[in-house]
Amino acid sequence: TLDNIDARNYMDRHCVYYRKPFLESGTLSTMGNIQVVVPFLTES
């Protein structure tokens, strides 16, 4: 639940590397994002 793109990308890379499912959600100013990432199955 981050509002910092660098931290979100950092966690995404680590979850893909360690093959951990990842629920990415957060805000950036007026935008919101929710994405389920399953390494090597869905888009990261």
PDB file of all heavy atoms in Angstrom:
ATOM      1  N   THR A   1       0.867  -1.176   0.000  1.00  0.00           N
ATOM      2  CA  THR A   1       0.000   0.000   0.000  1.00  0.00           C
ATOM      3  C   THR A   1       0.904   1.226   0.000  1.00  0.00           C
ATOM      4  O   THR A   1       0.963   1.972   0.966  1.00  0.00           O
ATOM      5  CB  THR A   1      -0.939   0.027   1.222  1.00  0.00           C
ATOM      6  OG1 THR A   1      -0.149  -0.056   2.410  1.00  0.00           O
ATOM      7  CG2 THR A   1      -1.920  -1.110   1.188  1.00  0.00           C
ATOM      8  N   LEU A   2       1.595   1.418  -1.080  1.00  0.00           N
ATOM      9  CA  LEU A   2       2.603   2.478  -1.154  1.00  0.00           C
ATOM     10  C   LEU A   2       2.158   3.609  -2.072  1.00  0.00           C
ATOM     11  O   LEU A   2       1.381   3.409  -2.993  1.00  0.00           O
ATOM     12  CB  LEU A   2       3.919   1.890  -1.691  1.00  0.00           C
ATOM     13  CG  LEU A   2       4.548   0.789  -0.842  1.00  0.00           C
ATOM     14  CD1 LEU A   2       5.664   0.105  -1.600  1.00  0.00           C
ATOM     15  CD2 LEU A   2       5.050   1.367   0.468  1.00  0.00           C
ATOM     16  N   ASP A   3       2.695   4.802  -1.800  1.00  0.00           N
ATOM     17  CA  ASP A   3       2.417   5.943  -2.664  1.00  0.00           C
ATOM     18  C   ASP A   3       3.693   6.433  -3.349  1.00  0.00           C
ATOM     19  O   ASP A   3       3.774   7.543  -3.821  1.00  0.00           O
ATOM     20  CB  ASP A   3       1.766   7.083  -1.885  1.00  0.00           C
ATOM     21  CG  ASP A   3       2.630   7.579  -0.738  1.00  0.00           C
ATOM     22  OD1 ASP A   3       3.740   7.062  -0.546  1.00  0.00           O
ATOM     23  OD2 ASP A   3       2.190   8.493  -0.022  1.00  0.00           O
ATOM     24  N   ASN A   4       4.678   5.564  -3.431  1.00  0.00           N
ATOM     25  CA  ASN A   4       5.971   5.912  -3.994  1.00  0.00           C
ATOM     26  C   ASN A   4       6.296   4.902  -5.087  1.00  0.00           C
ATOM     27  O   ASN A   4       6.418   3.707  -4.819  1.00  0.00           O
ATOM     28  CB  ASN A   4       7.009   5.870  -2.864  1.00  0.00           C
ATOM     29  CG  ASN A   4       8.407   6.094  -3.327  1.00  0.00           C
ATOM     30  OD1 ASN A   4       8.888   5.441  -4.252  1.00  0.00           O
ATOM     31  ND2 ASN A   4       9.088   7.013  -2.670  1.00  0.00           N
ATOM     32  N   ILE A   5       6.422   5.370  -6.318  1.00  0.00           N
ATOM     33  CA  ILE A   5       6.625   4.456  -7.451  1.00  0.00           C
ATOM     34  C   ILE A   5       7.937   3.694  -7.340  1.00  0.00           C
ATOM     35  O   ILE A   5       7.995   2.503  -7.654  1.00  0.00           O
ATOM     36  CB  ILE A   5       6.531   5.213  -8.784  1.00  0.00           C
ATOM     37  CG1 ILE A   5       5.083   5.633  -8.974  1.00  0.00           C
ATOM     38  CG2 ILE A   5       7.037   4.366  -9.944  1.00  0.00           C
ATOM     39  CD1 ILE A   5       4.709   6.132 -10.317  1.00  0.00           C
ATOM     40  N   ASP A   6       9.003   4.336  -6.871  1.00  0.00           N
ATOM     41  CA  ASP A   6      10.282   3.639  -6.726  1.00  0.00           C
ATOM     42  C   ASP A   6      10.155   2.459  -5.760  1.00  0.00           C
ATOM     43  O   ASP A   6      10.641   1.360  -6.038  1.00  0.00           O
ATOM     44  CB  ASP A   6      11.379   4.587  -6.237  1.00  0.00           C
ATOM     45  CG  ASP A   6      11.778   5.606  -7.295  1.00  0.00           C
ATOM     46  OD1 ASP A   6      11.559   5.331  -8.499  1.00  0.00           O
ATOM     47  OD2 ASP A   6      12.296   6.671  -6.917  1.00  0.00           O
ATOM     48  N   ALA A   7       9.493   2.660  -4.632  1.00  0.00           N
ATOM     49  CA  ALA A   7       9.309   1.581  -3.655  1.00  0.00           C
ATOM     50  C   ALA A   7       8.404   0.489  -4.223  1.00  0.00           C
ATOM     51  O   ALA A   7       8.637  -0.706  -3.994  1.00  0.00           O
ATOM     52  CB  ALA A   7       8.726   2.134  -2.357  1.00  0.00           C
ATOM     53  N   ARG A   8       7.385   0.871  -4.977  1.00  0.00           N
ATOM     54  CA  ARG A   8       6.485  -0.112  -5.583  1.00  0.00           C
ATOM     55  C   ARG A   8       7.239  -0.975  -6.593  1.00  0.00           C
ATOM     56  O   ARG A   8       7.081  -2.206  -6.625  1.00  0.00           O
ATOM     57  CB  ARG A   8       5.308   0.603  -6.245  1.00  0.00           C
ATOM     58  CG  ARG A   8       4.397   1.254  -5.213  1.00  0.00           C
ATOM     59  CD  ARG A   8       3.538   2.316  -5.802  1.00  0.00           C
ATOM     60  NE  ARG A   8       2.292   1.776  -6.319  1.00  0.00           N
ATOM     61  CZ  ARG A   8       1.272   2.535  -6.684  1.00  0.00           C
ATOM     62  NH1 ARG A   8       1.343   3.840  -6.611  1.00  0.00           N
ATOM     63  NH2 ARG A   8       0.177   1.987  -7.143  1.00  0.00           N
ATOM     64  N   ASN A   9       8.057  -0.344  -7.426  1.00  0.00           N
ATOM     65  CA  ASN A   9       8.862  -1.101  -8.395  1.00  0.00           C
ATOM     66  C   ASN A   9       9.871  -2.003  -7.688  1.00  0.00           C
ATOM     67  O   ASN A   9      10.098  -3.145  -8.104  1.00  0.00           O
ATOM     68  CB  ASN A   9       9.597  -0.148  -9.349  1.00  0.00           C
ATOM     69  CG  ASN A   9       8.685   0.439 -10.394  1.00  0.00           C
ATOM     70  OD1 ASN A   9       7.753  -0.204 -10.856  1.00  0.00           O
ATOM     71  ND2 ASN A   9       8.952   1.681 -10.774  1.00  0.00           N
ATOM     72  N   TYR A  10      10.456  -1.504  -6.636  1.00  0.00           N
ATOM     73  CA  TYR A  10      11.433  -2.281  -5.861  1.00  0.00           C
ATOM     74  C   TYR A  10      10.781  -3.549  -5.314  1.00  0.00           C
ATOM     75  O   TYR A  10      11.320  -4.656  -5.455  1.00  0.00           O
ATOM     76  CB  TYR A  10      11.982  -1.412  -4.725  1.00  0.00           C
ATOM     77  CG  TYR A  10      12.987  -2.099  -3.855  1.00  0.00           C
ATOM     78  CD1 TYR A  10      14.343  -2.092  -4.195  1.00  0.00           C
ATOM     79  CD2 TYR A  10      12.612  -2.753  -2.688  1.00  0.00           C
ATOM     80  CE1 TYR A  10      15.286  -2.725  -3.401  1.00  0.00           C
ATOM     81  CE2 TYR A  10      13.544  -3.387  -1.887  1.00  0.00           C
ATOM     82  CZ  TYR A  10      14.870  -3.365  -2.245  1.00  0.00           C
ATOM     83  OH  TYR A  10      15.796  -3.999  -1.452  1.00  0.00           O
ATOM     84  N   MET A  11       9.615  -3.409  -4.686  1.00  0.00           N
ATOM     85  CA  MET A  11       8.927  -4.582  -4.134  1.00  0.00           C
ATOM     86  C   MET A  11       8.475  -5.528  -5.240  1.00  0.00           C
ATOM     87  O   MET A  11       8.549  -6.743  -5.090  1.00  0.00           O
ATOM     88  CB  MET A  11       7.731  -4.153  -3.280  1.00  0.00           C
ATOM     89  CG  MET A  11       8.121  -3.597  -1.933  1.00  0.00           C
ATOM     90  SD  MET A  11       9.170  -4.714  -0.974  1.00  0.00           S
ATOM     91  CE  MET A  11       8.125  -6.141  -0.808  1.00  0.00           C
ATOM     92  N   ASP A  12       8.014  -4.981  -6.339  1.00  0.00           N
ATOM     93  CA  ASP A  12       7.597  -5.806  -7.468  1.00  0.00           C
ATOM     94  C   ASP A  12       8.757  -6.668  -7.961  1.00  0.00           C
ATOM     95  O   ASP A  12       8.612  -7.876  -8.156  1.00  0.00           O
ATOM     96  CB  ASP A  12       7.081  -4.905  -8.591  1.00  0.00           C
ATOM     97  CG  ASP A  12       6.688  -5.697  -9.823  1.00  0.00           C
ATOM     98  OD1 ASP A  12       5.731  -6.487  -9.743  1.00  0.00           O
ATOM     99  OD2 ASP A  12       7.346  -5.521 -10.867  1.00  0.00           O
ATOM    100  N   ARG A  13       9.915  -6.069  -8.152  1.00  0.00           N
ATOM    101  CA  ARG A  13      11.090  -6.829  -8.624  1.00  0.00           C
ATOM    102  C   ARG A  13      11.452  -7.942  -7.639  1.00  0.00           C
ATOM    103  O   ARG A  13      11.786  -9.054  -8.046  1.00  0.00           O
ATOM    104  CB  ARG A  13      12.285  -5.889  -8.821  1.00  0.00           C
ATOM    105  CG  ARG A  13      12.182  -5.010 -10.042  1.00  0.00           C
ATOM    106  CD  ARG A  13      13.490  -4.296 -10.356  1.00  0.00           C
ATOM    107  NE  ARG A  13      14.036  -3.536  -9.243  1.00  0.00           N
ATOM    108  CZ  ARG A  13      13.721  -2.278  -8.950  1.00  0.00           C
ATOM    109  NH1 ARG A  13      12.828  -1.635  -9.688  1.00  0.00           N
ATOM    110  NH2 ARG A  13      14.291  -1.669  -7.930  1.00  0.00           N
ATOM    111  N   HIS A  14      11.376  -7.635  -6.343  1.00  0.00           N
ATOM    112  CA  HIS A  14      11.724  -8.650  -5.344  1.00  0.00           C
ATOM    113  C   HIS A  14      10.700  -9.783  -5.313  1.00  0.00           C
ATOM    114  O   HIS A  14      11.066 -10.952  -5.162  1.00  0.00           O
ATOM    115  CB  HIS A  14      11.891  -8.017  -3.967  1.00  0.00           C
ATOM    116  CG  HIS A  14      13.240  -7.396  -3.782  1.00  0.00           C
ATOM    117  ND1 HIS A  14      13.645  -6.275  -4.474  1.00  0.00           N
ATOM    118  CD2 HIS A  14      14.281  -7.765  -3.017  1.00  0.00           C
ATOM    119  CE1 HIS A  14      14.873  -5.977  -4.130  1.00  0.00           C
ATOM    120  NE2 HIS A  14      15.293  -6.867  -3.253  1.00  0.00           N
ATOM    121  N   CYS A  15       9.434  -9.449  -5.446  1.00  0.00           N
ATOM    122  CA  CYS A  15       8.410 -10.502  -5.446  1.00  0.00           C
ATOM    123  C   CYS A  15       8.547 -11.408  -6.660  1.00  0.00           C
ATOM    124  O   CYS A  15       8.390 -12.627  -6.547  1.00  0.00           O
ATOM    125  CB  CYS A  15       7.023  -9.894  -5.369  1.00  0.00           C
ATOM    126  SG  CYS A  15       6.666  -9.204  -3.741  1.00  0.00           S
ATOM    127  N   VAL A  16       8.861 -10.829  -7.808  1.00  0.00           N
ATOM    128  CA  VAL A  16       9.086 -11.654  -8.997  1.00  0.00           C
ATOM    129  C   VAL A  16      10.320 -12.526  -8.777  1.00  0.00           C
ATOM    130  O   VAL A  16      10.302 -13.737  -9.027  1.00  0.00           O
ATOM    131  CB  VAL A  16       9.220 -10.781 -10.268  1.00  0.00           C
ATOM    132  CG1 VAL A  16       9.694 -11.610 -11.457  1.00  0.00           C
ATOM    133  CG2 VAL A  16       7.889 -10.104 -10.577  1.00  0.00           C
ATOM    134  N   TYR A  17      11.391 -11.931  -8.290  1.00  0.00           N
ATOM    135  CA  TYR A  17      12.634 -12.677  -8.063  1.00  0.00           C
ATOM    136  C   TYR A  17      12.424 -13.843  -7.098  1.00  0.00           C
ATOM    137  O   TYR A  17      12.890 -14.956  -7.340  1.00  0.00           O
ATOM    138  CB  TYR A  17      13.716 -11.730  -7.532  1.00  0.00           C
ATOM    139  CG  TYR A  17      15.018 -12.434  -7.220  1.00  0.00           C
ATOM    140  CD1 TYR A  17      15.929 -12.710  -8.246  1.00  0.00           C
ATOM    141  CD2 TYR A  17      15.333 -12.833  -5.923  1.00  0.00           C
ATOM    142  CE1 TYR A  17      17.122 -13.367  -7.974  1.00  0.00           C
ATOM    143  CE2 TYR A  17      16.522 -13.494  -5.646  1.00  0.00           C
ATOM    144  CZ  TYR A  17      17.410 -13.755  -6.666  1.00  0.00           C
ATOM    145  OH  TYR A  17      18.583 -14.411  -6.397  1.00  0.00           O
ATOM    146  N   TYR A  18      11.703 -13.590  -5.997  1.00  0.00           N
ATOM    147  CA  TYR A  18      11.485 -14.633  -4.980  1.00  0.00           C
ATOM    148  C   TYR A  18      10.226 -15.462  -5.255  1.00  0.00           C
ATOM    149  O   TYR A  18       9.863 -16.322  -4.464  1.00  0.00           O
ATOM    150  CB  TYR A  18      11.407 -14.013  -3.587  1.00  0.00           C
ATOM    151  CG  TYR A  18      12.742 -13.497  -3.112  1.00  0.00           C
ATOM    152  CD1 TYR A  18      13.049 -12.147  -3.160  1.00  0.00           C
ATOM    153  CD2 TYR A  18      13.709 -14.371  -2.620  1.00  0.00           C
ATOM    154  CE1 TYR A  18      14.283 -11.677  -2.722  1.00  0.00           C
ATOM    155  CE2 TYR A  18      14.944 -13.908  -2.189  1.00  0.00           C
ATOM    156  CZ  TYR A  18      15.221 -12.560  -2.249  1.00  0.00           C
ATOM    157  OH  TYR A  18      16.441 -12.096  -1.822  1.00  0.00           O
ATOM    158  N   ARG A  19       9.560 -15.171  -6.396  1.00  0.00           N
ATOM    159  CA  ARG A  19       8.366 -15.915  -6.811  1.00  0.00           C
ATOM    160  C   ARG A  19       7.263 -15.874  -5.757  1.00  0.00           C
ATOM    161  O   ARG A  19       6.628 -16.883  -5.434  1.00  0.00           O
ATOM    162  CB  ARG A  19       8.711 -17.364  -7.161  1.00  0.00           C
ATOM    163  CG  ARG A  19       9.692 -17.460  -8.317  1.00  0.00           C
ATOM    164  CD  ARG A  19      10.091 -18.896  -8.607  1.00  0.00           C
ATOM    165  NE  ARG A  19      11.057 -18.965  -9.680  1.00  0.00           N
ATOM    166  CZ  ARG A  19      10.768 -19.315 -10.928  1.00  0.00           C
ATOM    167  NH1 ARG A  19       9.554 -19.650 -11.239  1.00  0.00           N
ATOM    168  NH2 ARG A  19      11.713 -19.341 -11.843  1.00  0.00           N
ATOM    169  N   LYS A  20       7.000 -14.665  -5.246  1.00  0.00           N
ATOM    170  CA  LYS A  20       5.964 -14.471  -4.229  1.00  0.00           C
ATOM    171  C   LYS A  20       4.772 -13.752  -4.849  1.00  0.00           C
ATOM    172  O   LYS A  20       4.931 -12.737  -5.539  1.00  0.00           O
ATOM    173  CB  LYS A  20       6.496 -13.629  -3.061  1.00  0.00           C
ATOM    174  CG  LYS A  20       7.678 -14.247  -2.346  1.00  0.00           C
ATOM    175  CD  LYS A  20       7.312 -15.573  -1.716  1.00  0.00           C
ATOM    176  CE  LYS A  20       8.511 -16.244  -1.094  1.00  0.00           C
ATOM    177  NZ  LYS A  20       8.182 -17.522  -0.507  1.00  0.00           N
ATOM    178  N   PRO A  21       3.558 -14.253  -4.623  1.00  0.00           N
ATOM    179  CA  PRO A  21       2.370 -13.519  -5.081  1.00  0.00           C
ATOM    180  C   PRO A  21       2.377 -12.130  -4.449  1.00  0.00           C
ATOM    181  O   PRO A  21       2.796 -11.952  -3.308  1.00  0.00           O
ATOM    182  CB  PRO A  21       1.197 -14.349  -4.565  1.00  0.00           C
ATOM    183  CG  PRO A  21       1.769 -15.655  -4.176  1.00  0.00           C
ATOM    184  CD  PRO A  21       3.215 -15.453  -3.886  1.00  0.00           C
ATOM    185  N   PHE A  22       1.877 -11.179  -5.198  1.00  0.00           N
ATOM    186  CA  PHE A  22       2.016  -9.783  -4.816  1.00  0.00           C
ATOM    187  C   PHE A  22       0.714  -9.042  -5.102  1.00  0.00           C
ATOM    188  O   PHE A  22       0.227  -9.036  -6.230  1.00  0.00           O
ATOM    189  CB  PHE A  22       3.172  -9.220  -5.653  1.00  0.00           C
ATOM    190  CG  PHE A  22       3.514  -7.782  -5.458  1.00  0.00           C
ATOM    191  CD1 PHE A  22       3.606  -7.206  -4.197  1.00  0.00           C
ATOM    192  CD2 PHE A  22       3.806  -6.990  -6.557  1.00  0.00           C
ATOM    193  CE1 PHE A  22       3.969  -5.883  -4.046  1.00  0.00           C
ATOM    194  CE2 PHE A  22       4.173  -5.669  -6.417  1.00  0.00           C
ATOM    195  CZ  PHE A  22       4.252  -5.111  -5.158  1.00  0.00           C
ATOM    196  N   LEU A  23       0.115  -8.464  -4.069  1.00  0.00           N
ATOM    197  CA  LEU A  23      -1.042  -7.594  -4.229  1.00  0.00           C
ATOM    198  C   LEU A  23      -0.515  -6.175  -4.154  1.00  0.00           C
ATOM    199  O   LEU A  23      -0.132  -5.698  -3.090  1.00  0.00           O
ATOM    200  CB  LEU A  23      -2.092  -7.839  -3.145  1.00  0.00           C
ATOM    201  CG  LEU A  23      -3.285  -6.889  -3.181  1.00  0.00           C
ATOM    202  CD1 LEU A  23      -4.061  -7.057  -4.485  1.00  0.00           C
ATOM    203  CD2 LEU A  23      -4.177  -7.117  -1.984  1.00  0.00           C
ATOM    204  N   GLU A  24      -0.438  -5.541  -5.294  1.00  0.00           N
ATOM    205  CA  GLU A  24       0.104  -4.185  -5.368  1.00  0.00           C
ATOM    206  C   GLU A  24      -1.057  -3.210  -5.350  1.00  0.00           C
ATOM    207  O   GLU A  24      -1.946  -3.274  -6.188  1.00  0.00           O
ATOM    208  CB  GLU A  24       0.911  -4.031  -6.667  1.00  0.00           C
ATOM    209  CG  GLU A  24       1.925  -2.917  -6.657  1.00  0.00           C
ATOM    210  CD  GLU A  24       1.373  -1.547  -6.395  1.00  0.00           C
ATOM    211  OE1 GLU A  24       0.448  -1.114  -7.101  1.00  0.00           O
ATOM    212  OE2 GLU A  24       1.870  -0.890  -5.468  1.00  0.00           O
ATOM    213  N   SER A  25      -1.074  -2.353  -4.370  1.00  0.00           N
ATOM    214  CA  SER A  25      -2.112  -1.324  -4.321  1.00  0.00           C
ATOM    215  C   SER A  25      -1.512  -0.068  -3.726  1.00  0.00           C
ATOM    216  O   SER A  25      -0.627  -0.122  -2.879  1.00  0.00           O
ATOM    217  CB  SER A  25      -3.300  -1.801  -3.481  1.00  0.00           C
ATOM    218  OG  SER A  25      -2.910  -1.964  -2.132  1.00  0.00           O
ATOM    219  N   GLY A  26      -1.970   1.034  -4.198  1.00  0.00           N
ATOM    220  CA  GLY A  26      -1.476   2.287  -3.659  1.00  0.00           C
ATOM    221  C   GLY A  26      -2.046   3.462  -4.403  1.00  0.00           C
ATOM    222  O   GLY A  26      -2.801   3.316  -5.356  1.00  0.00           O
ATOM    223  N   THR A  27      -1.684   4.630  -3.933  1.00  0.00           N
ATOM    224  CA  THR A  27      -2.136   5.859  -4.550  1.00  0.00           C
ATOM    225  C   THR A  27      -0.943   6.678  -4.987  1.00  0.00           C
ATOM    226  O   THR A  27       0.154   6.537  -4.451  1.00  0.00           O
ATOM    227  CB  THR A  27      -2.977   6.706  -3.572  1.00  0.00           C
ATOM    228  OG1 THR A  27      -2.166   7.040  -2.444  1.00  0.00           O
ATOM    229  CG2 THR A  27      -4.215   5.961  -3.128  1.00  0.00           C
ATOM    230  N   LEU A  28      -1.194   7.508  -5.958  1.00  0.00           N
ATOM    231  CA  LEU A  28      -0.200   8.479  -6.396  1.00  0.00           C
ATOM    232  C   LEU A  28      -0.996   9.711  -6.788  1.00  0.00           C
ATOM    233  O   LEU A  28      -1.665   9.719  -7.817  1.00  0.00           O
ATOM    234  CB  LEU A  28       0.613   7.951  -7.574  1.00  0.00           C
ATOM    235  CG  LEU A  28       1.714   8.873  -8.063  1.00  0.00           C
ATOM    236  CD1 LEU A  28       2.761   9.074  -6.967  1.00  0.00           C
ATOM    237  CD2 LEU A  28       2.376   8.301  -9.297  1.00  0.00           C
ATOM    238  N   SER A  29      -1.001  10.697  -5.908  1.00  0.00           N
ATOM    239  CA  SER A  29      -1.781  11.908  -6.097  1.00  0.00           C
ATOM    240  C   SER A  29      -3.255  11.519  -6.204  1.00  0.00           C
ATOM    241  O   SER A  29      -3.805  10.945  -5.280  1.00  0.00           O
ATOM    242  CB  SER A  29      -1.279  12.668  -7.311  1.00  0.00           C
ATOM    243  OG  SER A  29      -1.940  13.893  -7.419  1.00  0.00           O
ATOM    244  N   THR A  30      -3.884  11.775  -7.342  1.00  0.00           N
ATOM    245  CA  THR A  30      -5.310  11.475  -7.473  1.00  0.00           C
ATOM    246  C   THR A  30      -5.584  10.101  -8.077  1.00  0.00           C
ATOM    247  O   THR A  30      -6.739   9.736  -8.257  1.00  0.00           O
ATOM    248  CB  THR A  30      -5.989  12.531  -8.378  1.00  0.00           C
ATOM    249  OG1 THR A  30      -5.355  12.506  -9.655  1.00  0.00           O
ATOM    250  CG2 THR A  30      -5.884  13.912  -7.760  1.00  0.00           C
ATOM    251  N   MET A  31      -4.547   9.353  -8.399  1.00  0.00           N
ATOM    252  CA  MET A  31      -4.731   8.038  -9.029  1.00  0.00           C
ATOM    253  C   MET A  31      -4.591   6.924  -7.993  1.00  0.00           C
ATOM    254  O   MET A  31      -3.864   7.059  -7.014  1.00  0.00           O
ATOM    255  CB  MET A  31      -3.694   7.822 -10.129  1.00  0.00           C
ATOM    256  CG  MET A  31      -3.820   8.782 -11.282  1.00  0.00           C
ATOM    257  SD  MET A  31      -2.697   8.411 -12.641  1.00  0.00           S
ATOM    258  CE  MET A  31      -1.109   8.503 -11.850  1.00  0.00           C
ATOM    259  N   GLY A  32      -5.296   5.840  -8.243  1.00  0.00           N
ATOM    260  CA  GLY A  32      -5.171   4.652  -7.407  1.00  0.00           C
ATOM    261  C   GLY A  32      -4.869   3.454  -8.277  1.00  0.00           C
ATOM    262  O   GLY A  32      -5.173   3.443  -9.474  1.00  0.00           O
ATOM    263  N   ASN A  33      -4.260   2.443  -7.679  1.00  0.00           N
ATOM    264  CA  ASN A  33      -3.893   1.258  -8.443  1.00  0.00           C
ATOM    265  C   ASN A  33      -4.062   0.020  -7.567  1.00  0.00           C
ATOM    266  O   ASN A  33      -3.693   0.034  -6.398  1.00  0.00           O
ATOM    267  CB  ASN A  33      -2.423   1.352  -8.888  1.00  0.00           C
ATOM    268  CG  ASN A  33      -2.016   0.179  -9.746  1.00  0.00           C
ATOM    269  OD1 ASN A  33      -2.471   0.043 -10.867  1.00  0.00           O
ATOM    270  ND2 ASN A  33      -1.169  -0.688  -9.210  1.00  0.00           N
ATOM    271  N   ILE A  34      -4.640  -1.022  -8.145  1.00  0.00           N
ATOM    272  CA  ILE A  34      -4.692  -2.333  -7.510  1.00  0.00           C
ATOM    273  C   ILE A  34      -4.355  -3.341  -8.594  1.00  0.00           C
ATOM    274  O   ILE A  34      -4.929  -3.311  -9.683  1.00  0.00           O
ATOM    275  CB  ILE A  34      -6.068  -2.658  -6.907  1.00  0.00           C
ATOM    276  CG1 ILE A  34      -6.414  -1.668  -5.800  1.00  0.00           C
ATOM    277  CG2 ILE A  34      -6.103  -4.078  -6.373  1.00  0.00           C
ATOM    278  CD1 ILE A  34      -7.798  -1.846  -5.234  1.00  0.00           C
ATOM    279  N   GLN A  35      -3.423  -4.226  -8.291  1.00  0.00           N
ATOM    280  CA  GLN A  35      -2.999  -5.216  -9.272  1.00  0.00           C
ATOM    281  C   GLN A  35      -2.541  -6.477  -8.551  1.00  0.00           C
ATOM    282  O   GLN A  35      -1.797  -6.400  -7.577  1.00  0.00           O
ATOM    283  CB  GLN A  35      -1.846  -4.638 -10.105  1.00  0.00           C
ATOM    284  CG  GLN A  35      -1.332  -5.557 -11.165  1.00  0.00           C
ATOM    285  CD  GLN A  35      -0.227  -4.888 -11.977  1.00  0.00           C
ATOM    286  OE1 GLN A  35       0.066  -3.714 -11.826  1.00  0.00           O
ATOM    287  NE2 GLN A  35       0.387  -5.665 -12.853  1.00  0.00           N
ATOM    288  N   VAL A  36      -3.002  -7.612  -9.018  1.00  0.00           N
ATOM    289  CA  VAL A  36      -2.537  -8.892  -8.501  1.00  0.00           C
ATOM    290  C   VAL A  36      -1.422  -9.376  -9.416  1.00  0.00           C
ATOM    291  O   VAL A  36      -1.595  -9.456 -10.629  1.00  0.00           O
ATOM    292  CB  VAL A  36      -3.679  -9.932  -8.456  1.00  0.00           C
ATOM    293  CG1 VAL A  36      -3.155 -11.289  -8.014  1.00  0.00           C
ATOM    294  CG2 VAL A  36      -4.795  -9.450  -7.527  1.00  0.00           C
ATOM    295  N   VAL A  37      -0.278  -9.670  -8.819  1.00  0.00           N
ATOM    296  CA  VAL A  37       0.872 -10.147  -9.583  1.00  0.00           C
ATOM    297  C   VAL A  37       1.205 -11.559  -9.122  1.00  0.00           C
ATOM    298  O   VAL A  37       1.457 -11.791  -7.941  1.00  0.00           O
ATOM    299  CB  VAL A  37       2.100  -9.223  -9.380  1.00  0.00           C
ATOM    300  CG1 VAL A  37       3.312  -9.773 -10.112  1.00  0.00           C
ATOM    301  CG2 VAL A  37       1.782  -7.799  -9.826  1.00  0.00           C
ATOM    302  N   VAL A  38       1.164 -12.490 -10.049  1.00  0.00           N
ATOM    303  CA  VAL A  38       1.601 -13.852  -9.796  1.00  0.00           C
ATOM    304  C   VAL A  38       2.827 -14.047 -10.681  1.00  0.00           C
ATOM    305  O   VAL A  38       2.697 -14.090 -11.917  1.00  0.00           O
ATOM    306  CB  VAL A  38       0.513 -14.895 -10.124  1.00  0.00           C
ATOM    307  CG1 VAL A  38       1.019 -16.302  -9.840  1.00  0.00           C
ATOM    308  CG2 VAL A  38      -0.762 -14.600  -9.340  1.00  0.00           C
ATOM    309  N   PRO A  39       4.009 -14.112 -10.074  1.00  0.00           N
ATOM    310  CA  PRO A  39       5.241 -14.174 -10.872  1.00  0.00           C
ATOM    311  C   PRO A  39       5.203 -15.258 -11.949  1.00  0.00           C
ATOM    312  O   PRO A  39       4.784 -16.387 -11.701  1.00  0.00           O
ATOM    313  CB  PRO A  39       6.323 -14.455  -9.831  1.00  0.00           C
ATOM    314  CG  PRO A  39       5.776 -13.834  -8.586  1.00  0.00           C
ATOM    315  CD  PRO A  39       4.287 -14.111  -8.645  1.00  0.00           C
ATOM    316  N   PHE A  40       5.588 -14.874 -13.143  1.00  0.00           N
ATOM    317  CA  PHE A  40       5.690 -15.739 -14.313  1.00  0.00           C
ATOM    318  C   PHE A  40       4.339 -16.255 -14.798  1.00  0.00           C
ATOM    319  O   PHE A  40       4.273 -17.160 -15.616  1.00  0.00           O
ATOM    320  CB  PHE A  40       6.677 -16.884 -14.078  1.00  0.00           C
ATOM    321  CG  PHE A  40       8.017 -16.384 -13.612  1.00  0.00           C
ATOM    322  CD1 PHE A  40       8.396 -16.500 -12.281  1.00  0.00           C
ATOM    323  CD2 PHE A  40       8.879 -15.744 -14.498  1.00  0.00           C
ATOM    324  CE1 PHE A  40       9.621 -16.015 -11.850  1.00  0.00           C
ATOM    325  CE2 PHE A  40      10.101 -15.252 -14.068  1.00  0.00           C
ATOM    326  CZ  PHE A  40      10.475 -15.384 -12.740  1.00  0.00           C
ATOM    327  N   LEU A  41       3.249 -15.656 -14.296  1.00  0.00           N
ATOM    328  CA  LEU A  41       1.917 -16.005 -14.763  1.00  0.00           C
ATOM    329  C   LEU A  41       1.165 -14.758 -15.228  1.00  0.00           C
ATOM    330  O   LEU A  41       0.494 -14.781 -16.261  1.00  0.00           O
ATOM    331  CB  LEU A  41       1.131 -16.728 -13.659  1.00  0.00           C
ATOM    332  CG  LEU A  41      -0.246 -17.240 -14.020  1.00  0.00           C
ATOM    333  CD1 LEU A  41      -0.162 -18.265 -15.148  1.00  0.00           C
ATOM    334  CD2 LEU A  41      -0.917 -17.863 -12.796  1.00  0.00           C
ATOM    335  N   THR A  42       1.278 -13.667 -14.466  1.00  0.00           N
ATOM    336  CA  THR A  42       0.626 -12.411 -14.825  1.00  0.00           C
ATOM    337  C   THR A  42       1.685 -11.337 -15.070  1.00  0.00           C
ATOM    338  O   THR A  42       2.854 -11.514 -14.728  1.00  0.00           O
ATOM    339  CB  THR A  42      -0.318 -11.925 -13.705  1.00  0.00           C
ATOM    340  OG1 THR A  42       0.466 -11.600 -12.555  1.00  0.00           O
ATOM    341  CG2 THR A  42      -1.358 -12.970 -13.358  1.00  0.00           C
ATOM    342  N   GLU A  43       1.237 -10.239 -15.632  1.00  0.00           N
ATOM    343  CA  GLU A  43       2.128  -9.098 -15.813  1.00  0.00           C
ATOM    344  C   GLU A  43       2.528  -8.554 -14.442  1.00  0.00           C
ATOM    345  O   GLU A  43       1.721  -8.537 -13.516  1.00  0.00           O
ATOM    346  CB  GLU A  43       1.385  -8.016 -16.606  1.00  0.00           C
ATOM    347  CG  GLU A  43       2.226  -6.810 -16.922  1.00  0.00           C
ATOM    348  CD  GLU A  43       1.453  -5.777 -17.722  1.00  0.00           C
ATOM    349  OE1 GLU A  43       0.559  -5.128 -17.143  1.00  0.00           O
ATOM    350  OE2 GLU A  43       1.744  -5.621 -18.912  1.00  0.00           O
ATOM    351  N   SER A  44       3.755  -8.131 -14.310  1.00  0.00           N
ATOM    352  CA  SER A  44       4.180  -7.540 -13.035  1.00  0.00           C
ATOM    353  C   SER A  44       3.879  -6.050 -13.037  1.00  0.00           C
ATOM    354  O   SER A  44       3.613  -5.457 -14.083  1.00  0.00           O
ATOM    355  CB  SER A  44       5.679  -7.779 -12.807  1.00  0.00           C
ATOM    356  OG  SER A  44       6.447  -6.992 -13.688  1.00  0.00           O
TER     357      SER A  44
END
